[in-house]
């Protein structure tokens, strides 16, 4: 009898484990059935908020601003940098330089680049407007920056919905504008009509970036009146002047970029004998740049073999390269 008791306990434990396994499988099956019956777009905002809060990975020590920061990407950025290699102090110096160009009682409006769609639901890779990035360091769409002697840097930031966050991730908001981009003032984009109208009405001259105009401010009555009164000027005259002379940090980034391109070009040349194809060489060059730390290509590589090398902006990169052909590769 003494020998049989431990065996009975072992059998009981085995049965319990099997039952636990069956229960887990049943629970998983029920969850999948519930998910099929209730797709994501039918979840109420309140439930969706709970899903995002309880299921998404998060930690109080890491603040996701929708773009790399020293906290989230320590391998890429140093403390005090807003974008890789460029500190918040340098961004402040840039804004001060531009304010020195602006006449008294004037205002400059610079909008972020819009998101461009490849299809109805698929966007192209986003590239920020150069002037907006130069002034703010923000690499995301949907914002408007205002620069003035009275307001300093005022940023109007997008207000993403829970669905936007779920599909596209976090987006920099008002808190990020103040804490990360070091704006003097920051408001949600919904307050732009009210706040910007006042700023325009109290300004004698309004500058804006004509390449990234947006209806968010162009449809304002105050802006239209400024246009009719010939108070609106092109801001790019000043931004191009400011960007003409590079800082030591910018020069270092340019040298690093050139070094990456040189190394990638050498590796692509070695690869060209094995795979004499324009498309393959283009892909190889971009790959070699990216594995060395490049975020993106400045523009699509031009790989022209034979007569295609004489086409200045040849971008098809779809032809076989014959033995002995001269190949032109530019990036």
C-alpha atoms as a PDB file:
ATOM      1  CA  UNK A   1       0.000   0.000   0.000  1.00  0.00           C
ATOM      2  CA  UNK A   2       2.847   2.377   0.853  1.00  0.00           C
ATOM      3  CA  UNK A   3       4.324   1.869  -2.617  1.00  0.00           C
ATOM      4  CA  UNK A   4       0.998   2.547  -4.351  1.00  0.00           C
ATOM      5  CA  UNK A   5       0.323   5.970  -2.789  1.00  0.00           C
ATOM      6  CA  UNK A   6       3.123   7.868  -4.581  1.00  0.00           C
ATOM      7  CA  UNK A   7       2.076   6.269  -7.874  1.00  0.00           C
ATOM      8  CA  UNK A   8      -1.501   7.452  -7.426  1.00  0.00           C
ATOM      9  CA  UNK A   9      -0.251  10.957  -6.723  1.00  0.00           C
ATOM     10  CA  UNK A  10       1.848  10.885  -9.869  1.00  0.00           C
ATOM     11  CA  UNK A  11      -1.178   9.772 -11.885  1.00  0.00           C
ATOM     12  CA  UNK A  12      -3.207  12.630 -10.377  1.00  0.00           C
ATOM     13  CA  UNK A  13      -0.533  15.187 -11.272  1.00  0.00           C
ATOM     14  CA  UNK A  14      -0.330  13.815 -14.804  1.00  0.00           C
ATOM     15  CA  UNK A  15      -4.104  14.056 -15.222  1.00  0.00           C
ATOM     16  CA  UNK A  16      -4.045  17.646 -13.898  1.00  0.00           C
ATOM     17  CA  UNK A  17      -1.319  18.664 -16.333  1.00  0.00           C
ATOM     18  CA  UNK A  18      -3.216  17.158 -19.258  1.00  0.00           C
ATOM     19  CA  UNK A  19      -6.364  18.969 -18.160  1.00  0.00           C
ATOM     20  CA  UNK A  20      -4.448  22.282 -17.923  1.00  0.00           C
ATOM     21  CA  UNK A  21      -3.096  21.766 -21.432  1.00  0.00           C
ATOM     22  CA  UNK A  22      -6.590  21.047 -22.768  1.00  0.00           C
ATOM     23  CA  UNK A  23      -7.948  24.147 -21.006  1.00  0.00           C
ATOM     24  CA  UNK A  24      -5.224  26.360 -22.514  1.00  0.00           C
ATOM     25  CA  UNK A  25      -5.905  25.028 -26.005  1.00  0.00           C
ATOM     26  CA  UNK A  26      -9.627  25.582 -25.520  1.00  0.00           C
ATOM     27  CA  UNK A  27      -9.038  29.147 -24.302  1.00  0.00           C
ATOM     28  CA  UNK A  28      -6.799  29.908 -27.267  1.00  0.00           C
ATOM     29  CA  UNK A  29      -9.401  28.459 -29.654  1.00  0.00           C
ATOM     30  CA  UNK A  30     -12.144  30.569 -28.057  1.00  0.00           C
ATOM     31  CA  UNK A  31      -9.996  33.701 -28.335  1.00  0.00           C
ATOM     32  CA  UNK A  32      -9.384  33.106 -32.032  1.00  0.00           C
ATOM     33  CA  UNK A  33     -13.101  32.551 -32.640  1.00  0.00           C
ATOM     34  CA  UNK A  34     -13.906  35.759 -30.768  1.00  0.00           C
ATOM     35  CA  UNK A  35     -11.356  37.654 -32.853  1.00  0.00           C
ATOM     36  CA  UNK A  36     -12.942  36.369 -36.069  1.00  0.00           C
ATOM     37  CA  UNK A  37     -16.397  37.400 -34.874  1.00  0.00           C
ATOM     38  CA  UNK A  38     -15.179  40.831 -33.720  1.00  0.00           C
ATOM     39  CA  UNK A  39     -12.583  42.262 -36.109  1.00  0.00           C
ATOM     40  CA  UNK A  40     -10.482  45.180 -34.978  1.00  0.00           C
ATOM     41  CA  UNK A  41     -12.521  47.917 -36.649  1.00  0.00           C
ATOM     42  CA  UNK A  42     -15.588  46.913 -34.616  1.00  0.00           C
ATOM     43  CA  UNK A  43     -13.898  47.363 -31.255  1.00  0.00           C
ATOM     44  CA  UNK A  44     -15.184  50.387 -29.390  1.00  0.00           C
ATOM     45  CA  UNK A  45     -12.717  53.245 -28.697  1.00  0.00           C
ATOM     46  CA  UNK A  46     -12.840  52.463 -24.990  1.00  0.00           C
ATOM     47  CA  UNK A  47     -12.013  48.789 -25.544  1.00  0.00           C
ATOM     48  CA  UNK A  48      -9.345  49.708 -28.079  1.00  0.00           C
ATOM     49  CA  UNK A  49      -7.754  52.030 -25.535  1.00  0.00           C
ATOM     50  CA  UNK A  50      -7.589  49.140 -23.069  1.00  0.00           C
ATOM     51  CA  UNK A  51      -6.083  46.869 -25.730  1.00  0.00           C
ATOM     52  CA  UNK A  52      -3.372  49.396 -26.571  1.00  0.00           C
ATOM     53  CA  UNK A  53      -2.565  50.059 -22.924  1.00  0.00           C
ATOM     54  CA  UNK A  54      -2.488  46.429 -21.792  1.00  0.00           C
ATOM     55  CA  UNK A  55      -1.110  44.679 -24.854  1.00  0.00           C
ATOM     56  CA  UNK A  56       1.423  47.084 -26.335  1.00  0.00           C
ATOM     57  CA  UNK A  57       4.990  46.928 -25.122  1.00  0.00           C
ATOM     58  CA  UNK A  58       5.782  50.000 -23.089  1.00  0.00           C
ATOM     59  CA  UNK A  59       7.980  51.240 -20.285  1.00  0.00           C
ATOM     60  CA  UNK A  60       8.031  54.536 -18.447  1.00  0.00           C
ATOM     61  CA  UNK A  61      11.780  54.885 -18.997  1.00  0.00           C
ATOM     62  CA  UNK A  62      11.458  54.873 -22.809  1.00  0.00           C
ATOM     63  CA  UNK A  63       9.463  57.705 -24.383  1.00  0.00           C
ATOM     64  CA  UNK A  64       8.398  56.862 -27.938  1.00  0.00           C
ATOM     65  CA  UNK A  65       8.173  60.126 -29.881  1.00  0.00           C
ATOM     66  CA  UNK A  66       7.578  58.535 -33.269  1.00  0.00           C
ATOM     67  CA  UNK A  67      11.229  58.951 -34.312  1.00  0.00           C
ATOM     68  CA  UNK A  68      14.655  57.980 -32.912  1.00  0.00           C
ATOM     69  CA  UNK A  69      15.745  59.609 -29.655  1.00  0.00           C
ATOM     70  CA  UNK A  70      18.833  59.044 -27.480  1.00  0.00           C
ATOM     71  CA  UNK A  71      16.656  56.993 -25.115  1.00  0.00           C
ATOM     72  CA  UNK A  72      15.083  54.705 -27.700  1.00  0.00           C
ATOM     73  CA  UNK A  73      18.104  54.516 -30.047  1.00  0.00           C
ATOM     74  CA  UNK A  74      21.285  54.890 -27.956  1.00  0.00           C
ATOM     75  CA  UNK A  75      23.225  53.054 -30.679  1.00  0.00           C
ATOM     76  CA  UNK A  76      22.341  55.837 -33.114  1.00  0.00           C
ATOM     77  CA  UNK A  77      22.249  59.056 -31.086  1.00  0.00           C
ATOM     78  CA  UNK A  78      24.029  60.712 -28.182  1.00  0.00           C
ATOM     79  CA  UNK A  79      22.381  62.485 -25.283  1.00  0.00           C
ATOM     80  CA  UNK A  80      21.265  65.980 -26.255  1.00  0.00           C
ATOM     81  CA  UNK A  81      20.815  65.202 -29.961  1.00  0.00           C
ATOM     82  CA  UNK A  82      17.470  65.687 -31.696  1.00  0.00           C
ATOM     83  CA  UNK A  83      18.575  63.979 -34.891  1.00  0.00           C
ATOM     84  CA  UNK A  84      21.742  61.882 -35.325  1.00  0.00           C
ATOM     85  CA  UNK A  85      24.760  64.161 -35.000  1.00  0.00           C
ATOM     86  CA  UNK A  86      22.772  67.400 -34.497  1.00  0.00           C
ATOM     87  CA  UNK A  87      22.133  68.673 -30.963  1.00  0.00           C
ATOM     88  CA  UNK A  88      19.222  70.711 -29.655  1.00  0.00           C
ATOM     89  CA  UNK A  89      21.630  73.654 -29.182  1.00  0.00           C
ATOM     90  CA  UNK A  90      22.447  73.617 -32.888  1.00  0.00           C
ATOM     91  CA  UNK A  91      18.769  73.652 -33.799  1.00  0.00           C
ATOM     92  CA  UNK A  92      18.320  76.669 -31.521  1.00  0.00           C
ATOM     93  CA  UNK A  93      21.255  78.413 -33.235  1.00  0.00           C
ATOM     94  CA  UNK A  94      19.669  77.748 -36.631  1.00  0.00           C
ATOM     95  CA  UNK A  95      16.413  79.346 -35.519  1.00  0.00           C
ATOM     96  CA  UNK A  96      18.269  82.329 -34.071  1.00  0.00           C
ATOM     97  CA  UNK A  97      20.093  82.808 -37.388  1.00  0.00           C
ATOM     98  CA  UNK A  98      16.797  82.780 -39.281  1.00  0.00           C
ATOM     99  CA  UNK A  99      15.195  85.199 -36.831  1.00  0.00           C
ATOM    100  CA  UNK A 100      18.104  87.574 -37.467  1.00  0.00           C
ATOM    101  CA  UNK A 101      17.159  87.512 -41.167  1.00  0.00           C
ATOM    102  CA  UNK A 102      13.473  88.207 -40.530  1.00  0.00           C
ATOM    103  CA  UNK A 103      12.285  91.823 -40.322  1.00  0.00           C
ATOM    104  CA  UNK A 104      10.737  93.038 -37.093  1.00  0.00           C
ATOM    105  CA  UNK A 105       7.076  92.181 -36.551  1.00  0.00           C
ATOM    106  CA  UNK A 106       7.198  89.412 -39.156  1.00  0.00           C
ATOM    107  CA  UNK A 107       6.233  85.760 -39.052  1.00  0.00           C
ATOM    108  CA  UNK A 108       7.438  82.620 -40.860  1.00  0.00           C
ATOM    109  CA  UNK A 109       5.220  79.576 -41.431  1.00  0.00           C
ATOM    110  CA  UNK A 110       6.775  76.247 -42.441  1.00  0.00           C
ATOM    111  CA  UNK A 111       4.648  73.123 -42.823  1.00  0.00           C
ATOM    112  CA  UNK A 112       5.850  69.541 -42.633  1.00  0.00           C
ATOM    113  CA  UNK A 113       5.859  67.543 -45.856  1.00  0.00           C
ATOM    114  CA  UNK A 114       2.607  65.659 -46.483  1.00  0.00           C
ATOM    115  CA  UNK A 115       2.344  61.887 -46.613  1.00  0.00           C
ATOM    116  CA  UNK A 116       2.212  60.773 -50.253  1.00  0.00           C
ATOM    117  CA  UNK A 117       0.250  57.648 -51.076  1.00  0.00           C
ATOM    118  CA  UNK A 118       1.378  54.884 -53.417  1.00  0.00           C
ATOM    119  CA  UNK A 119      -2.128  53.358 -53.424  1.00  0.00           C
ATOM    120  CA  UNK A 120      -5.280  54.021 -51.422  1.00  0.00           C
ATOM    121  CA  UNK A 121      -3.833  52.556 -48.227  1.00  0.00           C
ATOM    122  CA  UNK A 122      -0.086  52.197 -48.902  1.00  0.00           C
ATOM    123  CA  UNK A 123       2.093  55.297 -48.364  1.00  0.00           C
ATOM    124  CA  UNK A 124       5.458  56.006 -49.921  1.00  0.00           C
ATOM    125  CA  UNK A 125       8.391  56.179 -47.525  1.00  0.00           C
ATOM    126  CA  UNK A 126       8.107  59.556 -45.856  1.00  0.00           C
ATOM    127  CA  UNK A 127      10.728  62.228 -46.485  1.00  0.00           C
ATOM    128  CA  UNK A 128      10.519  65.409 -44.438  1.00  0.00           C
ATOM    129  CA  UNK A 129      10.594  68.874 -45.992  1.00  0.00           C
ATOM    130  CA  UNK A 130      14.192  70.108 -45.752  1.00  0.00           C
ATOM    131  CA  UNK A 131      13.324  73.513 -44.256  1.00  0.00           C
ATOM    132  CA  UNK A 132      10.942  72.081 -41.652  1.00  0.00           C
ATOM    133  CA  UNK A 133      13.561  69.512 -40.645  1.00  0.00           C
ATOM    134  CA  UNK A 134      16.286  72.180 -40.544  1.00  0.00           C
ATOM    135  CA  UNK A 135      14.247  74.315 -38.135  1.00  0.00           C
ATOM    136  CA  UNK A 136      12.625  71.696 -35.883  1.00  0.00           C
ATOM    137  CA  UNK A 137      14.349  68.316 -36.210  1.00  0.00           C
ATOM    138  CA  UNK A 138      10.910  66.686 -36.467  1.00  0.00           C
ATOM    139  CA  UNK A 139      10.889  63.853 -39.016  1.00  0.00           C
ATOM    140  CA  UNK A 140       7.125  63.294 -39.073  1.00  0.00           C
ATOM    141  CA  UNK A 141       4.205  64.613 -41.154  1.00  0.00           C
ATOM    142  CA  UNK A 142       1.204  66.602 -40.016  1.00  0.00           C
ATOM    143  CA  UNK A 143       2.864  69.508 -38.197  1.00  0.00           C
ATOM    144  CA  UNK A 144       3.196  73.236 -38.799  1.00  0.00           C
ATOM    145  CA  UNK A 145       6.026  75.364 -37.372  1.00  0.00           C
ATOM    146  CA  UNK A 146       5.787  79.116 -36.839  1.00  0.00           C
ATOM    147  CA  UNK A 147       8.875  81.245 -36.267  1.00  0.00           C
ATOM    148  CA  UNK A 148       8.639  84.790 -34.960  1.00  0.00           C
ATOM    149  CA  UNK A 149      10.405  87.359 -32.800  1.00  0.00           C
ATOM    150  CA  UNK A 150       7.610  87.293 -30.215  1.00  0.00           C
ATOM    151  CA  UNK A 151       6.676  83.597 -30.169  1.00  0.00           C
ATOM    152  CA  UNK A 152      10.085  82.047 -30.901  1.00  0.00           C
ATOM    153  CA  UNK A 153       9.371  78.556 -32.235  1.00  0.00           C
ATOM    154  CA  UNK A 154       5.685  77.656 -32.018  1.00  0.00           C
ATOM    155  CA  UNK A 155       4.759  74.148 -33.178  1.00  0.00           C
ATOM    156  CA  UNK A 156       1.284  72.884 -34.029  1.00  0.00           C
ATOM    157  CA  UNK A 157       1.365  69.109 -33.656  1.00  0.00           C
ATOM    158  CA  UNK A 158      -0.900  66.359 -35.050  1.00  0.00           C
ATOM    159  CA  UNK A 159      -3.460  64.628 -32.864  1.00  0.00           C
ATOM    160  CA  UNK A 160      -3.481  60.930 -33.837  1.00  0.00           C
ATOM    161  CA  UNK A 161      -6.465  58.748 -33.033  1.00  0.00           C
ATOM    162  CA  UNK A 162      -6.131  55.394 -31.302  1.00  0.00           C
ATOM    163  CA  UNK A 163      -6.575  53.712 -34.675  1.00  0.00           C
ATOM    164  CA  UNK A 164      -3.708  55.791 -36.108  1.00  0.00           C
ATOM    165  CA  UNK A 165      -1.427  54.757 -33.243  1.00  0.00           C
ATOM    166  CA  UNK A 166      -2.406  51.118 -33.636  1.00  0.00           C
ATOM    167  CA  UNK A 167      -1.689  51.103 -37.381  1.00  0.00           C
ATOM    168  CA  UNK A 168       1.256  53.497 -37.650  1.00  0.00           C
ATOM    169  CA  UNK A 169       2.768  53.709 -34.167  1.00  0.00           C
ATOM    170  CA  UNK A 170       3.298  56.661 -31.876  1.00  0.00           C
ATOM    171  CA  UNK A 171       3.379  60.202 -33.248  1.00  0.00           C
ATOM    172  CA  UNK A 172       5.117  63.218 -31.735  1.00  0.00           C
ATOM    173  CA  UNK A 173       2.596  65.496 -30.058  1.00  0.00           C
ATOM    174  CA  UNK A 174       2.616  68.643 -27.949  1.00  0.00           C
ATOM    175  CA  UNK A 175       4.737  67.085 -25.194  1.00  0.00           C
ATOM    176  CA  UNK A 176       7.382  65.975 -27.696  1.00  0.00           C
ATOM    177  CA  UNK A 177       7.423  69.448 -29.259  1.00  0.00           C
ATOM    178  CA  UNK A 178       8.316  70.981 -25.898  1.00  0.00           C
ATOM    179  CA  UNK A 179      10.514  68.240 -24.421  1.00  0.00           C
ATOM    180  CA  UNK A 180      12.357  66.906 -27.485  1.00  0.00           C
ATOM    181  CA  UNK A 181      12.240  69.594 -30.182  1.00  0.00           C
ATOM    182  CA  UNK A 182      12.598  72.396 -27.592  1.00  0.00           C
ATOM    183  CA  UNK A 183       9.770  74.535 -28.964  1.00  0.00           C
ATOM    184  CA  UNK A 184       8.945  77.710 -27.052  1.00  0.00           C
ATOM    185  CA  UNK A 185       5.214  77.144 -27.578  1.00  0.00           C
ATOM    186  CA  UNK A 186       3.260  74.092 -28.707  1.00  0.00           C
ATOM    187  CA  UNK A 187      -0.403  73.463 -29.445  1.00  0.00           C
ATOM    188  CA  UNK A 188      -2.461  70.639 -30.959  1.00  0.00           C
ATOM    189  CA  UNK A 189      -3.137  71.159 -34.658  1.00  0.00           C
ATOM    190  CA  UNK A 190      -6.845  71.690 -33.913  1.00  0.00           C
ATOM    191  CA  UNK A 191      -5.971  75.056 -32.352  1.00  0.00           C
ATOM    192  CA  UNK A 192      -4.069  76.293 -35.405  1.00  0.00           C
ATOM    193  CA  UNK A 193      -6.959  78.280 -36.955  1.00  0.00           C
ATOM    194  CA  UNK A 194      -7.506  80.231 -33.747  1.00  0.00           C
ATOM    195  CA  UNK A 195      -3.881  80.813 -32.715  1.00  0.00           C
ATOM    196  CA  UNK A 196      -2.280  81.315 -36.135  1.00  0.00           C
ATOM    197  CA  UNK A 197      -4.986  83.742 -37.251  1.00  0.00           C
ATOM    198  CA  UNK A 198      -4.097  86.008 -34.328  1.00  0.00           C
ATOM    199  CA  UNK A 199      -0.396  85.774 -35.151  1.00  0.00           C
ATOM    200  CA  UNK A 200      -0.964  86.637 -38.816  1.00  0.00           C
ATOM    201  CA  UNK A 201      -3.239  89.579 -38.014  1.00  0.00           C
ATOM    202  CA  UNK A 202      -0.632  91.085 -35.686  1.00  0.00           C
ATOM    203  CA  UNK A 203       2.246  90.685 -38.198  1.00  0.00           C
ATOM    204  CA  UNK A 204       3.278  93.159 -40.864  1.00  0.00           C
ATOM    205  CA  UNK A 205       4.868  90.492 -43.128  1.00  0.00           C
ATOM    206  CA  UNK A 206       4.129  86.760 -43.353  1.00  0.00           C
ATOM    207  CA  UNK A 207       6.737  84.406 -44.822  1.00  0.00           C
ATOM    208  CA  UNK A 208       5.985  80.811 -45.782  1.00  0.00           C
ATOM    209  CA  UNK A 209       7.503  77.887 -47.634  1.00  0.00           C
ATOM    210  CA  UNK A 210       5.807  77.925 -51.033  1.00  0.00           C
ATOM    211  CA  UNK A 211       6.799  74.288 -51.724  1.00  0.00           C
ATOM    212  CA  UNK A 212       4.951  72.832 -48.731  1.00  0.00           C
ATOM    213  CA  UNK A 213       1.872  75.010 -48.513  1.00  0.00           C
ATOM    214  CA  UNK A 214      -1.026  73.342 -46.760  1.00  0.00           C
ATOM    215  CA  UNK A 215      -4.718  74.074 -46.542  1.00  0.00           C
ATOM    216  CA  UNK A 216      -4.438  74.062 -42.744  1.00  0.00           C
ATOM    217  CA  UNK A 217      -3.301  77.689 -42.900  1.00  0.00           C
ATOM    218  CA  UNK A 218      -3.893  78.797 -46.512  1.00  0.00           C
ATOM    219  CA  UNK A 219      -7.668  78.625 -46.040  1.00  0.00           C
ATOM    220  CA  UNK A 220      -7.599  80.939 -43.022  1.00  0.00           C
ATOM    221  CA  UNK A 221      -9.356  84.249 -43.575  1.00  0.00           C
ATOM    222  CA  UNK A 222      -6.437  86.089 -41.955  1.00  0.00           C
ATOM    223  CA  UNK A 223      -3.977  84.473 -44.384  1.00  0.00           C
ATOM    224  CA  UNK A 224      -6.121  85.343 -47.413  1.00  0.00           C
ATOM    225  CA  UNK A 225      -6.277  88.958 -46.300  1.00  0.00           C
ATOM    226  CA  UNK A 226      -2.493  88.986 -45.931  1.00  0.00           C
ATOM    227  CA  UNK A 227      -2.155  87.662 -49.499  1.00  0.00           C
ATOM    228  CA  UNK A 228      -4.536  90.306 -50.839  1.00  0.00           C
ATOM    229  CA  UNK A 229      -2.562  93.004 -49.033  1.00  0.00           C
ATOM    230  CA  UNK A 230       0.740  91.694 -50.510  1.00  0.00           C
ATOM    231  CA  UNK A 231       2.044  90.819 -47.044  1.00  0.00           C
ATOM    232  CA  UNK A 232       3.023  87.204 -47.914  1.00  0.00           C
ATOM    233  CA  UNK A 233       6.619  86.465 -49.012  1.00  0.00           C
ATOM    234  CA  UNK A 234       8.711  83.380 -49.805  1.00  0.00           C
ATOM    235  CA  UNK A 235      10.671  82.128 -46.791  1.00  0.00           C
ATOM    236  CA  UNK A 236      13.058  79.898 -48.778  1.00  0.00           C
ATOM    237  CA  UNK A 237      15.225  82.934 -49.609  1.00  0.00           C
ATOM    238  CA  UNK A 238      16.311  83.000 -45.960  1.00  0.00           C
ATOM    239  CA  UNK A 239      16.406  79.250 -45.287  1.00  0.00           C
ATOM    240  CA  UNK A 240      18.636  78.651 -48.315  1.00  0.00           C
ATOM    241  CA  UNK A 241      20.959  81.417 -47.165  1.00  0.00           C
ATOM    242  CA  UNK A 242      21.158  79.908 -43.672  1.00  0.00           C
ATOM    243  CA  UNK A 243      21.726  76.378 -44.966  1.00  0.00           C
ATOM    244  CA  UNK A 244      24.466  77.469 -47.369  1.00  0.00           C
ATOM    245  CA  UNK A 245      27.203  77.501 -44.701  1.00  0.00           C
ATOM    246  CA  UNK A 246      27.573  74.132 -42.968  1.00  0.00           C
ATOM    247  CA  UNK A 247      28.378  73.672 -39.289  1.00  0.00           C
ATOM    248  CA  UNK A 248      31.148  71.304 -38.086  1.00  0.00           C
ATOM    249  CA  UNK A 249      28.482  68.735 -37.155  1.00  0.00           C
ATOM    250  CA  UNK A 250      26.920  68.953 -40.621  1.00  0.00           C
ATOM    251  CA  UNK A 251      30.329  68.622 -42.283  1.00  0.00           C
ATOM    252  CA  UNK A 252      31.009  65.470 -40.268  1.00  0.00           C
ATOM    253  CA  UNK A 253      27.696  63.958 -41.372  1.00  0.00           C
ATOM    254  CA  UNK A 254      28.526  64.814 -44.995  1.00  0.00           C
ATOM    255  CA  UNK A 255      31.944  63.152 -44.697  1.00  0.00           C
ATOM    256  CA  UNK A 256      30.380  60.072 -43.092  1.00  0.00           C
ATOM    257  CA  UNK A 257      27.833  59.898 -45.909  1.00  0.00           C
ATOM    258  CA  UNK A 258      30.571  60.190 -48.547  1.00  0.00           C
ATOM    259  CA  UNK A 259      32.602  57.475 -46.820  1.00  0.00           C
ATOM    260  CA  UNK A 260      29.601  55.127 -46.813  1.00  0.00           C
ATOM    261  CA  UNK A 261      29.002  55.778 -50.523  1.00  0.00           C
ATOM    262  CA  UNK A 262      32.668  55.149 -51.393  1.00  0.00           C
ATOM    263  CA  UNK A 263      32.775  51.830 -49.541  1.00  0.00           C
ATOM    264  CA  UNK A 264      29.474  50.755 -51.089  1.00  0.00           C
ATOM    265  CA  UNK A 265      30.717  51.674 -54.567  1.00  0.00           C
ATOM    266  CA  UNK A 266      33.874  49.567 -54.192  1.00  0.00           C
ATOM    267  CA  UNK A 267      31.868  46.521 -53.067  1.00  0.00           C
ATOM    268  CA  UNK A 268      29.420  47.021 -55.943  1.00  0.00           C
ATOM    269  CA  UNK A 269      32.287  47.163 -58.466  1.00  0.00           C
ATOM    270  CA  UNK A 270      33.583  43.807 -57.211  1.00  0.00           C
ATOM    271  CA  UNK A 271      30.052  42.395 -57.458  1.00  0.00           C
ATOM    272  CA  UNK A 272      29.528  43.618 -61.038  1.00  0.00           C
ATOM    273  CA  UNK A 273      31.549  40.823 -62.702  1.00  0.00           C
ATOM    274  CA  UNK A 274      29.386  38.134 -61.101  1.00  0.00           C
ATOM    275  CA  UNK A 275      26.015  39.809 -61.746  1.00  0.00           C
ATOM    276  CA  UNK A 276      26.163  42.088 -64.816  1.00  0.00           C
ATOM    277  CA  UNK A 277      22.665  43.509 -64.412  1.00  0.00           C
ATOM    278  CA  UNK A 278      21.646  47.127 -63.767  1.00  0.00           C
ATOM    279  CA  UNK A 279      18.899  46.217 -61.303  1.00  0.00           C
ATOM    280  CA  UNK A 280      21.143  43.901 -59.296  1.00  0.00           C
ATOM    281  CA  UNK A 281      23.915  46.482 -59.092  1.00  0.00           C
ATOM    282  CA  UNK A 282      21.420  49.120 -57.964  1.00  0.00           C
ATOM    283  CA  UNK A 283      20.120  46.808 -55.231  1.00  0.00           C
ATOM    284  CA  UNK A 284      23.663  45.850 -54.204  1.00  0.00           C
ATOM    285  CA  UNK A 285      24.730  49.476 -53.897  1.00  0.00           C
ATOM    286  CA  UNK A 286      21.717  50.408 -51.771  1.00  0.00           C
ATOM    287  CA  UNK A 287      22.233  47.329 -49.590  1.00  0.00           C
ATOM    288  CA  UNK A 288      25.895  48.177 -48.964  1.00  0.00           C
ATOM    289  CA  UNK A 289      24.931  51.749 -48.006  1.00  0.00           C
ATOM    290  CA  UNK A 290      22.233  50.649 -45.606  1.00  0.00           C
ATOM    291  CA  UNK A 291      24.293  48.022 -43.795  1.00  0.00           C
ATOM    292  CA  UNK A 292      26.856  50.760 -43.119  1.00  0.00           C
ATOM    293  CA  UNK A 293      24.288  52.945 -41.393  1.00  0.00           C
ATOM    294  CA  UNK A 294      22.586  54.972 -44.137  1.00  0.00           C
ATOM    295  CA  UNK A 295      18.954  55.687 -43.302  1.00  0.00           C
ATOM    296  CA  UNK A 296      17.947  56.096 -46.947  1.00  0.00           C
ATOM    297  CA  UNK A 297      19.357  56.969 -50.349  1.00  0.00           C
ATOM    298  CA  UNK A 298      19.535  60.665 -51.268  1.00  0.00           C
ATOM    299  CA  UNK A 299      17.939  59.601 -54.562  1.00  0.00           C
ATOM    300  CA  UNK A 300      17.533  56.371 -56.486  1.00  0.00           C
ATOM    301  CA  UNK A 301      20.870  55.101 -57.845  1.00  0.00           C
ATOM    302  CA  UNK A 302      21.461  55.599 -61.564  1.00  0.00           C
ATOM    303  CA  UNK A 303      23.034  52.451 -63.013  1.00  0.00           C
ATOM    304  CA  UNK A 304      23.476  52.776 -66.760  1.00  0.00           C
ATOM    305  CA  UNK A 305      25.276  50.129 -68.770  1.00  0.00           C
ATOM    306  CA  UNK A 306      26.496  50.821 -72.314  1.00  0.00           C
ATOM    307  CA  UNK A 307      24.367  53.481 -74.068  1.00  0.00           C
ATOM    308  CA  UNK A 308      22.165  53.890 -70.962  1.00  0.00           C
ATOM    309  CA  UNK A 309      25.116  55.554 -69.268  1.00  0.00           C
ATOM    310  CA  UNK A 310      24.609  58.622 -71.479  1.00  0.00           C
ATOM    311  CA  UNK A 311      21.100  59.265 -70.066  1.00  0.00           C
ATOM    312  CA  UNK A 312      21.513  61.848 -67.287  1.00  0.00           C
ATOM    313  CA  UNK A 313      18.558  60.818 -65.135  1.00  0.00           C
ATOM    314  CA  UNK A 314      18.331  57.196 -66.197  1.00  0.00           C
ATOM    315  CA  UNK A 315      16.376  55.413 -63.465  1.00  0.00           C
ATOM    316  CA  UNK A 316      14.915  52.278 -65.046  1.00  0.00           C
ATOM    317  CA  UNK A 317      17.917  50.122 -64.105  1.00  0.00           C
ATOM    318  CA  UNK A 318      16.353  47.135 -65.872  1.00  0.00           C
ATOM    319  CA  UNK A 319      18.857  46.110 -68.552  1.00  0.00           C
ATOM    320  CA  UNK A 320      21.468  43.378 -68.734  1.00  0.00           C
ATOM    321  CA  UNK A 321      25.048  44.616 -68.976  1.00  0.00           C
ATOM    322  CA  UNK A 322      27.047  43.138 -71.826  1.00  0.00           C
ATOM    323  CA  UNK A 323      30.650  42.074 -71.382  1.00  0.00           C
ATOM    324  CA  UNK A 324      32.909  45.061 -72.018  1.00  0.00           C
ATOM    325  CA  UNK A 325      30.170  47.680 -71.482  1.00  0.00           C
ATOM    326  CA  UNK A 326      31.070  50.855 -69.631  1.00  0.00           C
ATOM    327  CA  UNK A 327      28.849  51.290 -66.524  1.00  0.00           C
ATOM    328  CA  UNK A 328      27.935  54.652 -64.994  1.00  0.00           C
ATOM    329  CA  UNK A 329      26.724  54.513 -61.380  1.00  0.00           C
ATOM    330  CA  UNK A 330      25.696  57.692 -59.550  1.00  0.00           C
ATOM    331  CA  UNK A 331      23.926  58.166 -56.235  1.00  0.00           C
END
